[in-house]
Amino acid sequence: MILLYVSALPVYLICCMLMVLLLYAHARLILLFYSKRTALKELERLQLEEDHRQQLLYAIIHSQESERNRMAADLHDGIGPLLSVVMFQLGTLQEKVPKVLAPDVGETRQLMEEVLVEVHRIINDMTPFNLKLHGLKATLKEMLKRMENTRRIITRIQFEQNRTGLTPEQELMAYRVTSEVIHNTIRHGKASHLQLIQQPSVNAFILQILHNGAGLKQEEFEQLSRRSSGMGLKNITGRLQMGKGTICFEKMATGYSITLSIPFQEKPPLKVVPD
């Protein structure tokens, strides 16, 4: 009996070890199952948060565009005509007042004319009507021309094609981002030369902005855009995220380069129209 018990002991131990191994494997499978389930739930949560953030971002930008359109319409339909009437009345008054007062009235009329021009500029910046009529290239060209007339800056624009290959929504986004970058470059960078160059690409619209003023590096831009006070930079980042676009800041030997890239959503045009 003792011999049989001793000889059976290893078999008993082996069975126990097998049972332990089976229980361990079963526990591992359960752990892996719940770990995978937890990971999937975490991915779903992160995706929901990203979707919510994108929806919130879209709502903010859509609200901004609606408010821009409303304000531009109010200026165009309300203040614009009133300023035109005041200018006309000042012109009539200039002919009737004594000669000694005529120069003062004429100077006032000239100031009112400058105010009217500035109001029209603000309206155009808020709602770029030319963008729908003539496209991004012509609209940016007009903006640079106005800057040359009002500021001491030399500009140049070079597009590979008259059409960009972007959808109307993408062109509006490209205009807003480019306009913000250029205004920051002139206001803060004090640039005196600025150039826009469309780089050839079959997958995306790529616009390079070159200037000789002070500028930012990529790390600095990313840090500033995360701050709560930098609304202009936040708008740039937000608009590009909506359109799956990117922006790259780089220090050059003679200035700075900012490269904007927006992937095509529709087939880009094949016909190249010389500038």
Protein backbone atom coordinates (compact mmCIF):
# COMPACT_ATOMS: atom_id res chain seq x y z
CA MET A 1 0.00 0.00 0.00
CA ILE A 2 2.82 2.34 0.91
CA LEU A 3 4.65 1.53 -2.32
CA LEU A 4 1.51 2.16 -4.38
CA TYR A 5 0.95 5.48 -2.62
CA VAL A 6 4.52 6.55 -3.22
CA SER A 7 4.42 5.54 -6.87
CA ALA A 8 1.11 7.34 -7.34
CA LEU A 9 2.36 10.50 -5.76
CA PRO A 10 4.15 11.88 -8.87
CA VAL A 11 1.00 11.30 -10.96
CA TYR A 12 -1.01 13.19 -8.38
CA LEU A 13 1.50 16.06 -8.43
CA ILE A 14 1.49 16.13 -12.19
CA CYS A 15 -2.30 16.35 -12.24
CA CYS A 16 -2.20 19.14 -9.71
CA MET A 17 0.37 21.02 -11.77
CA LEU A 18 -1.74 20.55 -14.89
CA MET A 19 -4.79 21.86 -13.07
CA VAL A 20 -2.83 24.88 -11.87
CA LEU A 21 -1.56 25.54 -15.38
CA LEU A 22 -5.08 25.24 -16.80
CA LEU A 23 -6.44 27.62 -14.19
CA TYR A 24 -3.60 30.05 -14.88
CA ALA A 25 -4.20 29.90 -18.64
CA HIS A 26 -7.92 30.40 -18.08
CA ALA A 27 -7.24 33.39 -15.83
CA ARG A 28 -4.86 34.86 -18.43
CA LEU A 29 -7.50 34.45 -21.13
CA ILE A 30 -10.07 36.20 -18.96
CA LEU A 31 -7.59 38.96 -18.18
CA LEU A 32 -6.71 39.40 -21.85
CA PHE A 33 -10.38 39.47 -22.78
CA TYR A 34 -11.21 42.18 -20.26
CA SER A 35 -8.01 44.10 -21.07
CA LYS A 36 -8.93 44.08 -24.74
CA ARG A 37 -12.49 45.10 -23.90
CA THR A 38 -11.22 47.92 -21.67
CA ALA A 39 -8.83 49.07 -24.39
CA LEU A 40 -11.64 49.09 -26.97
CA LYS A 41 -13.84 51.09 -24.63
CA GLU A 42 -11.00 53.55 -24.07
CA LEU A 43 -10.51 53.90 -27.82
CA GLU A 44 -14.24 54.48 -28.26
CA ARG A 45 -14.16 57.11 -25.50
CA LEU A 46 -11.20 58.88 -27.08
CA GLN A 47 -12.90 58.76 -30.48
CA LEU A 48 -16.09 60.24 -29.02
CA GLU A 49 -14.06 62.99 -27.36
CA GLU A 50 -12.29 63.73 -30.66
CA ASP A 51 -15.60 63.77 -32.54
CA HIS A 52 -17.07 66.12 -29.92
CA ARG A 53 -14.02 68.38 -30.14
CA GLN A 54 -14.26 68.48 -33.93
CA GLN A 55 -17.99 69.27 -33.76
CA LEU A 56 -17.34 72.03 -31.22
CA LEU A 57 -14.54 73.41 -33.37
CA TYR A 58 -16.78 73.36 -36.45
CA ALA A 59 -19.56 75.12 -34.51
CA ILE A 60 -17.16 77.84 -33.33
CA ILE A 61 -15.73 78.49 -36.79
CA HIS A 62 -19.19 78.34 -38.39
CA SER A 63 -20.42 80.85 -35.80
CA GLN A 64 -17.46 83.11 -36.56
CA GLU A 65 -18.18 83.03 -40.28
CA SER A 66 -21.89 83.75 -39.69
CA GLU A 67 -21.03 86.70 -37.45
CA ARG A 68 -18.53 87.98 -40.01
CA ASN A 69 -21.19 87.83 -42.72
CA ARG A 70 -23.75 89.58 -40.52
CA MET A 71 -21.35 92.39 -39.57
CA ALA A 72 -20.19 92.80 -43.17
CA ALA A 73 -23.82 93.05 -44.32
CA ASP A 74 -24.56 95.67 -41.63
CA LEU A 75 -21.55 97.73 -42.64
CA HIS A 76 -22.30 97.38 -46.35
CA ASP A 77 -26.02 98.17 -46.10
CA GLY A 78 -25.95 100.62 -43.18
CA ILE A 79 -22.74 102.54 -42.54
CA GLY A 80 -21.47 102.45 -46.14
CA PRO A 81 -24.43 104.33 -47.66
CA LEU A 82 -24.47 106.82 -44.76
CA LEU A 83 -20.81 107.64 -45.30
CA SER A 84 -21.46 108.10 -49.02
CA VAL A 85 -24.30 110.55 -48.24
CA VAL A 86 -22.06 112.50 -45.82
CA MET A 87 -19.35 112.73 -48.47
CA PHE A 88 -21.87 114.01 -51.04
CA GLN A 89 -23.19 116.61 -48.60
CA LEU A 90 -19.67 117.73 -47.73
CA GLY A 91 -18.96 118.17 -51.44
CA THR A 92 -22.09 120.30 -51.82
CA LEU A 93 -21.22 122.27 -48.68
CA GLN A 94 -17.72 122.93 -49.94
CA GLU A 95 -19.17 124.84 -52.90
CA LYS A 96 -21.44 126.98 -50.69
CA VAL A 97 -19.27 127.90 -47.70
CA PRO A 98 -17.00 130.97 -47.74
CA LYS A 99 -13.66 130.45 -49.41
CA VAL A 100 -11.85 130.66 -46.09
CA LEU A 101 -13.71 127.54 -44.86
CA ALA A 102 -13.59 125.60 -48.12
CA PRO A 103 -10.15 124.01 -47.46
CA ASP A 104 -11.32 122.72 -44.05
CA VAL A 105 -14.48 121.25 -45.56
CA GLY A 106 -12.43 119.71 -48.36
CA GLU A 107 -10.03 118.14 -45.85
CA THR A 108 -12.97 116.74 -43.87
CA ARG A 109 -14.42 115.28 -47.07
CA GLN A 110 -11.07 113.66 -47.87
CA LEU A 111 -10.94 112.12 -44.40
CA MET A 112 -14.46 110.78 -44.86
CA GLU A 113 -13.39 109.27 -48.17
CA GLU A 114 -10.51 107.50 -46.41
CA VAL A 115 -12.93 106.22 -43.78
CA LEU A 116 -15.20 104.86 -46.52
CA VAL A 117 -12.27 103.10 -48.17
CA GLU A 118 -11.30 101.59 -44.81
CA VAL A 119 -14.87 100.40 -44.22
CA HIS A 120 -14.89 98.73 -47.64
CA ARG A 121 -11.59 97.06 -46.78
CA ILE A 122 -13.01 95.74 -43.50
CA ILE A 123 -16.10 94.45 -45.32
CA ASN A 124 -13.94 92.65 -47.86
CA ASP A 125 -11.76 91.11 -45.13
CA MET A 126 -14.84 89.89 -43.26
CA THR A 127 -16.54 88.47 -46.33
CA PRO A 128 -14.21 88.10 -49.34
CA PHE A 129 -16.78 88.37 -52.14
CA ASN A 130 -14.08 87.98 -54.80
CA LEU A 131 -13.27 84.53 -53.45
CA LYS A 132 -16.53 83.10 -54.82
CA LEU A 133 -16.34 85.11 -58.04
CA HIS A 134 -12.67 84.91 -58.99
CA GLY A 135 -11.03 82.33 -56.74
CA LEU A 136 -8.22 82.28 -54.17
CA LYS A 137 -5.42 83.54 -56.40
CA ALA A 138 -7.22 86.74 -57.47
CA THR A 139 -8.43 87.39 -53.90
CA LEU A 140 -4.95 87.05 -52.41
CA LYS A 141 -3.56 89.19 -55.23
CA GLU A 142 -6.04 91.95 -54.41
CA MET A 143 -5.21 91.71 -50.69
CA LEU A 144 -1.48 92.05 -51.36
CA LYS A 145 -2.11 95.00 -53.67
CA ARG A 146 -4.04 96.79 -50.92
CA MET A 147 -1.21 96.11 -48.49
CA GLU A 148 1.32 97.60 -50.89
CA ASN A 149 -0.82 100.74 -51.18
CA THR A 150 -1.28 101.18 -47.42
CA ARG A 151 1.96 99.77 -45.98
CA ARG A 152 5.62 99.89 -46.89
CA ILE A 153 5.90 96.38 -48.21
CA ILE A 154 6.81 94.80 -51.53
CA THR A 155 4.82 91.68 -52.40
CA ARG A 156 4.79 89.04 -55.11
CA ILE A 157 2.47 86.12 -55.84
CA GLN A 158 3.26 83.10 -58.00
CA PHE A 159 0.62 80.42 -58.61
CA GLU A 160 1.10 77.34 -60.77
CA GLN A 161 -2.56 77.41 -61.82
CA ASN A 162 -5.46 79.83 -61.79
CA ARG A 163 -7.55 77.15 -60.07
CA THR A 164 -6.34 75.64 -56.81
CA GLY A 165 -8.19 72.31 -56.92
CA LEU A 166 -9.77 73.08 -53.54
CA THR A 167 -13.46 73.04 -52.67
CA PRO A 168 -15.09 76.43 -51.88
CA GLU A 169 -14.94 75.63 -48.15
CA GLN A 170 -11.25 74.75 -48.41
CA GLU A 171 -10.52 77.94 -50.36
CA LEU A 172 -12.19 79.99 -47.63
CA MET A 173 -10.10 78.16 -45.03
CA ALA A 174 -6.91 78.74 -47.06
CA TYR A 175 -7.78 82.44 -47.41
CA ARG A 176 -8.46 82.87 -43.67
CA VAL A 177 -5.27 81.09 -42.64
CA THR A 178 -3.10 82.88 -45.22
CA SER A 179 -4.61 86.25 -44.32
CA GLU A 180 -3.98 85.68 -40.60
CA VAL A 181 -0.38 84.60 -41.24
CA ILE A 182 0.32 87.60 -43.49
CA HIS A 183 -1.19 90.13 -41.08
CA ASN A 184 0.84 88.64 -38.21
CA THR A 185 3.96 88.75 -40.37
CA ILE A 186 3.50 92.44 -41.15
CA ARG A 187 2.21 93.49 -37.71
CA HIS A 188 4.68 91.59 -35.53
CA GLY A 189 7.44 90.57 -37.93
CA LYS A 190 7.83 94.02 -39.56
CA ALA A 191 8.50 92.39 -42.93
CA SER A 192 9.24 94.63 -45.93
CA HIS A 193 9.24 91.88 -48.58
CA LEU A 194 6.67 89.10 -48.83
CA GLN A 195 6.17 86.41 -51.44
CA LEU A 196 3.46 83.77 -51.97
CA ILE A 197 4.42 80.72 -54.02
CA GLN A 198 2.17 77.79 -54.87
CA GLN A 199 4.29 74.65 -54.91
CA PRO A 200 3.32 71.95 -57.46
CA SER A 201 1.67 68.85 -55.99
CA VAL A 202 -0.81 66.21 -57.16
CA ASN A 203 -2.12 65.41 -53.67
CA ALA A 204 -2.51 68.77 -51.95
CA PHE A 205 -2.63 72.53 -52.36
CA ILE A 206 0.71 73.78 -51.03
CA LEU A 207 1.31 77.50 -50.50
CA GLN A 208 4.65 78.81 -49.30
CA ILE A 209 4.86 82.26 -47.68
CA LEU A 210 8.35 83.79 -47.66
CA HIS A 211 9.22 87.02 -45.85
CA ASN A 212 12.27 88.88 -44.56
CA GLY A 213 10.89 89.92 -41.16
CA ALA A 214 11.02 88.36 -37.72
CA GLY A 215 9.16 85.09 -37.38
CA LEU A 216 8.48 81.86 -35.53
CA LYS A 217 9.93 78.38 -35.58
CA GLN A 218 7.62 75.37 -35.53
CA GLU A 219 8.13 74.68 -31.82
CA GLU A 220 7.38 78.31 -30.94
CA PHE A 221 4.22 78.32 -33.04
CA GLU A 222 2.94 75.14 -31.38
CA GLN A 223 3.64 76.53 -27.91
CA LEU A 224 1.95 79.87 -28.63
CA SER A 225 -1.08 78.26 -30.29
CA ARG A 226 -1.75 76.26 -27.10
CA ARG A 227 -1.95 79.42 -24.99
CA SER A 228 -5.41 80.74 -24.13
CA SER A 229 -4.58 84.29 -25.25
CA GLY A 230 -3.45 83.53 -28.81
CA MET A 231 -6.83 83.50 -30.59
CA GLY A 232 -5.32 84.22 -34.00
CA LEU A 233 -2.97 81.25 -33.80
CA LYS A 234 -5.74 79.09 -32.33
CA ASN A 235 -7.95 79.94 -35.32
CA ILE A 236 -5.14 78.91 -37.67
CA THR A 237 -4.72 75.58 -35.88
CA GLY A 238 -8.46 74.95 -35.62
CA ARG A 239 -9.22 75.66 -39.26
CA LEU A 240 -6.37 73.44 -40.43
CA GLN A 241 -7.46 70.59 -38.17
CA MET A 242 -10.95 70.74 -39.67
CA GLY A 243 -9.55 70.50 -43.18
CA LYS A 244 -6.84 67.93 -42.34
CA GLY A 245 -4.28 70.58 -43.29
CA THR A 246 -0.85 71.36 -41.88
CA ILE A 247 1.35 74.40 -41.44
CA CYS A 248 5.12 74.45 -41.07
CA PHE A 249 7.26 77.35 -39.82
CA GLU A 250 10.94 77.34 -40.75
CA LYS A 251 13.89 79.72 -40.31
CA MET A 252 15.67 80.47 -43.57
CA ALA A 253 18.97 82.16 -44.34
CA THR A 254 17.31 85.45 -45.35
CA GLY A 255 14.06 85.31 -43.39
CA TYR A 256 11.30 82.84 -42.65
CA SER A 257 9.17 80.34 -44.56
CA ILE A 258 5.61 79.31 -43.68
CA THR A 259 4.25 76.38 -45.70
CA LEU A 260 0.52 75.69 -45.78
CA SER A 261 -0.66 72.30 -47.05
CA ILE A 262 -4.31 71.28 -47.62
CA PRO A 263 -5.08 67.84 -49.12
CA PHE A 264 -7.38 67.73 -52.12
CA GLN A 265 -10.94 66.53 -51.66
CA GLU A 266 -11.63 66.51 -55.37
CA LYS A 267 -9.50 65.80 -58.38
CA PRO A 268 -7.12 68.71 -58.99
CA PRO A 269 -7.29 70.48 -62.36
CA LEU A 270 -4.96 69.21 -65.04
CA LYS A 271 -4.90 72.28 -67.24
CA VAL A 272 -2.10 74.69 -66.38
CA VAL A 273 -2.87 78.33 -67.16
CA PRO A 274 0.20 80.59 -67.31
CA ASP A 275 0.17 83.66 -65.04
